[in-house]
N, C-alpha and C. Protein backbone atom coordinates (compact mmCIF):
# COMPACT_ATOMS: atom_id res chain seq x y z
N UNK A 1 138.21 23.24 125.13
CA UNK A 1 137.72 24.04 124.01
C UNK A 1 136.22 23.90 123.85
N UNK A 2 135.69 22.70 124.09
CA UNK A 2 134.26 22.47 123.96
C UNK A 2 133.47 23.35 124.90
N UNK A 3 134.00 23.62 126.09
CA UNK A 3 133.32 24.48 127.05
C UNK A 3 133.23 25.91 126.53
N UNK A 4 134.24 26.39 125.82
CA UNK A 4 134.21 27.74 125.27
C UNK A 4 133.12 27.87 124.21
N UNK A 5 132.93 26.85 123.40
CA UNK A 5 131.87 26.88 122.40
C UNK A 5 130.53 26.97 123.11
N UNK A 6 130.36 26.22 124.17
CA UNK A 6 129.12 26.25 124.93
C UNK A 6 128.87 27.64 125.51
N UNK A 7 129.92 28.27 126.03
CA UNK A 7 129.80 29.63 126.57
C UNK A 7 129.41 30.60 125.46
N UNK A 8 130.07 30.51 124.31
CA UNK A 8 129.75 31.39 123.18
C UNK A 8 128.32 31.16 122.72
N UNK A 9 127.91 29.91 122.63
CA UNK A 9 126.54 29.62 122.23
C UNK A 9 125.54 30.21 123.23
N UNK A 10 125.86 30.15 124.50
CA UNK A 10 125.00 30.73 125.53
C UNK A 10 124.90 32.23 125.41
N UNK A 11 126.02 32.87 125.12
CA UNK A 11 126.04 34.32 124.93
C UNK A 11 125.20 34.70 123.71
N UNK A 12 125.37 33.97 122.63
CA UNK A 12 124.60 34.24 121.41
C UNK A 12 123.11 34.07 121.68
N UNK A 13 122.74 33.03 122.40
CA UNK A 13 121.33 32.80 122.72
C UNK A 13 120.77 33.94 123.58
N UNK A 14 121.55 34.39 124.56
CA UNK A 14 121.10 35.51 125.41
C UNK A 14 120.88 36.78 124.59
N UNK A 15 121.81 37.06 123.70
CA UNK A 15 121.70 38.26 122.86
C UNK A 15 120.50 38.13 121.93
N UNK A 16 120.34 36.96 121.33
CA UNK A 16 119.21 36.74 120.42
C UNK A 16 117.88 36.96 121.14
N UNK A 17 117.76 36.41 122.34
CA UNK A 17 116.51 36.57 123.10
C UNK A 17 116.27 38.03 123.49
N UNK A 18 117.32 38.73 123.88
CA UNK A 18 117.17 40.14 124.26
C UNK A 18 116.78 40.98 123.05
N UNK A 19 117.38 40.72 121.91
CA UNK A 19 117.06 41.45 120.70
C UNK A 19 115.61 41.18 120.28
N UNK A 20 115.22 39.91 120.31
CA UNK A 20 113.84 39.56 119.98
C UNK A 20 112.87 40.26 120.92
N UNK A 21 113.16 40.25 122.21
CA UNK A 21 112.27 40.88 123.18
C UNK A 21 112.15 42.38 122.93
N UNK A 22 113.26 43.01 122.59
CA UNK A 22 113.25 44.45 122.29
C UNK A 22 112.34 44.73 121.11
N UNK A 23 112.47 43.92 120.06
CA UNK A 23 111.63 44.11 118.88
C UNK A 23 110.18 43.76 119.17
N UNK A 24 109.94 42.67 119.88
CA UNK A 24 108.57 42.22 120.18
C UNK A 24 107.84 43.25 121.04
N UNK A 25 108.57 43.92 121.92
CA UNK A 25 107.94 44.94 122.77
C UNK A 25 107.40 46.11 121.97
N UNK A 26 107.91 46.30 120.76
CA UNK A 26 107.44 47.39 119.90
C UNK A 26 106.22 47.01 119.07
N UNK A 27 105.86 45.73 119.10
CA UNK A 27 104.66 45.29 118.39
C UNK A 27 103.47 45.48 119.33
N UNK A 28 102.43 46.17 118.88
CA UNK A 28 101.27 46.36 119.75
C UNK A 28 100.74 45.02 120.27
N UNK A 29 100.32 45.03 121.52
CA UNK A 29 99.87 43.81 122.20
C UNK A 29 98.84 43.03 121.38
N UNK A 30 97.89 43.73 120.77
CA UNK A 30 96.83 43.05 120.03
C UNK A 30 97.31 42.48 118.68
N UNK A 31 98.54 42.79 118.31
CA UNK A 31 99.11 42.26 117.06
C UNK A 31 100.18 41.21 117.31
N UNK A 32 100.41 40.86 118.56
CA UNK A 32 101.44 39.87 118.89
C UNK A 32 100.88 38.47 118.71
N UNK A 33 101.03 37.98 117.49
CA UNK A 33 100.59 36.63 117.15
C UNK A 33 101.79 35.82 116.71
N UNK A 34 101.59 34.53 116.55
CA UNK A 34 102.66 33.66 116.06
C UNK A 34 103.16 34.15 114.70
N UNK A 35 102.23 34.62 113.85
CA UNK A 35 102.62 35.08 112.51
C UNK A 35 103.47 36.34 112.54
N UNK A 36 103.24 37.21 113.51
CA UNK A 36 104.03 38.44 113.57
C UNK A 36 105.33 38.24 114.36
N UNK A 37 105.31 37.35 115.34
CA UNK A 37 106.49 37.18 116.18
C UNK A 37 107.51 36.18 115.62
N UNK A 38 107.06 35.20 114.87
CA UNK A 38 107.99 34.20 114.31
C UNK A 38 109.06 34.83 113.42
N UNK A 39 108.68 35.73 112.51
CA UNK A 39 109.73 36.37 111.69
C UNK A 39 110.69 37.22 112.53
N UNK A 40 110.17 37.85 113.58
CA UNK A 40 111.06 38.63 114.45
C UNK A 40 112.08 37.73 115.13
N UNK A 41 111.64 36.56 115.56
CA UNK A 41 112.54 35.61 116.21
C UNK A 41 113.62 35.15 115.24
N UNK A 42 113.22 34.79 114.03
CA UNK A 42 114.19 34.35 113.02
C UNK A 42 115.17 35.46 112.68
N UNK A 43 114.66 36.68 112.53
CA UNK A 43 115.51 37.81 112.21
C UNK A 43 116.47 38.11 113.36
N UNK A 44 116.00 38.00 114.59
CA UNK A 44 116.88 38.22 115.74
C UNK A 44 118.02 37.21 115.76
N UNK A 45 117.71 35.96 115.43
CA UNK A 45 118.75 34.92 115.40
C UNK A 45 119.78 35.22 114.31
N UNK A 46 119.30 35.54 113.11
CA UNK A 46 120.21 35.85 112.01
C UNK A 46 121.05 37.09 112.29
N UNK A 47 120.42 38.11 112.82
CA UNK A 47 121.12 39.36 113.12
C UNK A 47 122.18 39.15 114.19
N UNK A 48 121.84 38.39 115.21
CA UNK A 48 122.80 38.12 116.28
C UNK A 48 124.02 37.39 115.75
N UNK A 49 123.81 36.35 114.97
CA UNK A 49 124.94 35.59 114.40
C UNK A 49 125.79 36.52 113.52
N UNK A 50 125.15 37.34 112.70
CA UNK A 50 125.87 38.27 111.83
C UNK A 50 126.74 39.22 112.64
N UNK A 51 126.16 39.82 113.68
CA UNK A 51 126.89 40.81 114.47
C UNK A 51 128.03 40.16 115.25
N UNK A 52 127.77 39.03 115.88
CA UNK A 52 128.81 38.35 116.65
C UNK A 52 129.95 37.90 115.73
N UNK A 53 129.61 37.36 114.56
CA UNK A 53 130.65 36.93 113.62
C UNK A 53 131.47 38.12 113.14
N UNK A 54 130.80 39.23 112.83
CA UNK A 54 131.52 40.41 112.37
C UNK A 54 132.44 40.94 113.48
N UNK A 55 131.94 40.95 114.70
CA UNK A 55 132.74 41.39 115.84
C UNK A 55 133.97 40.51 116.00
N UNK A 56 133.78 39.20 115.94
CA UNK A 56 134.92 38.28 116.09
C UNK A 56 135.92 38.47 114.96
N UNK A 57 135.44 38.67 113.74
CA UNK A 57 136.34 38.90 112.60
C UNK A 57 137.16 40.17 112.81
N UNK A 58 136.51 41.24 113.28
CA UNK A 58 137.22 42.51 113.51
C UNK A 58 138.25 42.36 114.62
N UNK A 59 137.89 41.64 115.69
CA UNK A 59 138.85 41.41 116.78
C UNK A 59 140.05 40.61 116.26
N UNK A 60 139.79 39.58 115.48
CA UNK A 60 140.88 38.77 114.93
C UNK A 60 141.76 39.58 113.98
N UNK A 61 141.15 40.44 113.16
CA UNK A 61 141.92 41.31 112.27
C UNK A 61 142.83 42.24 113.08
N UNK A 62 142.28 42.82 114.14
CA UNK A 62 143.06 43.73 114.98
C UNK A 62 144.20 42.98 115.66
N UNK A 63 143.93 41.78 116.11
CA UNK A 63 144.97 40.98 116.76
C UNK A 63 146.09 40.62 115.78
N UNK A 64 145.72 40.28 114.56
CA UNK A 64 146.73 39.97 113.54
C UNK A 64 147.58 41.21 113.21
N UNK A 65 146.91 42.34 113.14
CA UNK A 65 147.64 43.58 112.86
C UNK A 65 148.62 43.91 113.97
N UNK A 66 148.18 43.73 115.21
CA UNK A 66 149.06 43.97 116.36
C UNK A 66 150.24 43.00 116.35
N UNK A 67 149.98 41.75 116.01
CA UNK A 67 151.06 40.74 115.95
C UNK A 67 152.08 41.12 114.89
N UNK A 68 151.61 41.61 113.76
CA UNK A 68 152.54 41.95 112.68
C UNK A 68 153.34 43.20 112.99
N UNK A 69 152.84 44.06 113.88
CA UNK A 69 153.58 45.26 114.27
C UNK A 69 154.62 44.98 115.33
N UNK A 70 154.41 43.90 116.08
CA UNK A 70 155.28 43.60 117.20
C UNK A 70 156.39 42.74 116.81
């Protein structure tokens, strides 16, 4: 089970980095400072956790619904 958590954490980290990079690429090069990029990084982390958690909740709800129908 511990290995699955590690895999999930790795997936979350990959998504967070990709999301941050997508947002950072939209910031003009001359404005890419620690002050402008730090909030983007924090927001990418929070957004990723929110989306992954919501996705997992929806999958679990669907699985429970299927179990109750069967």
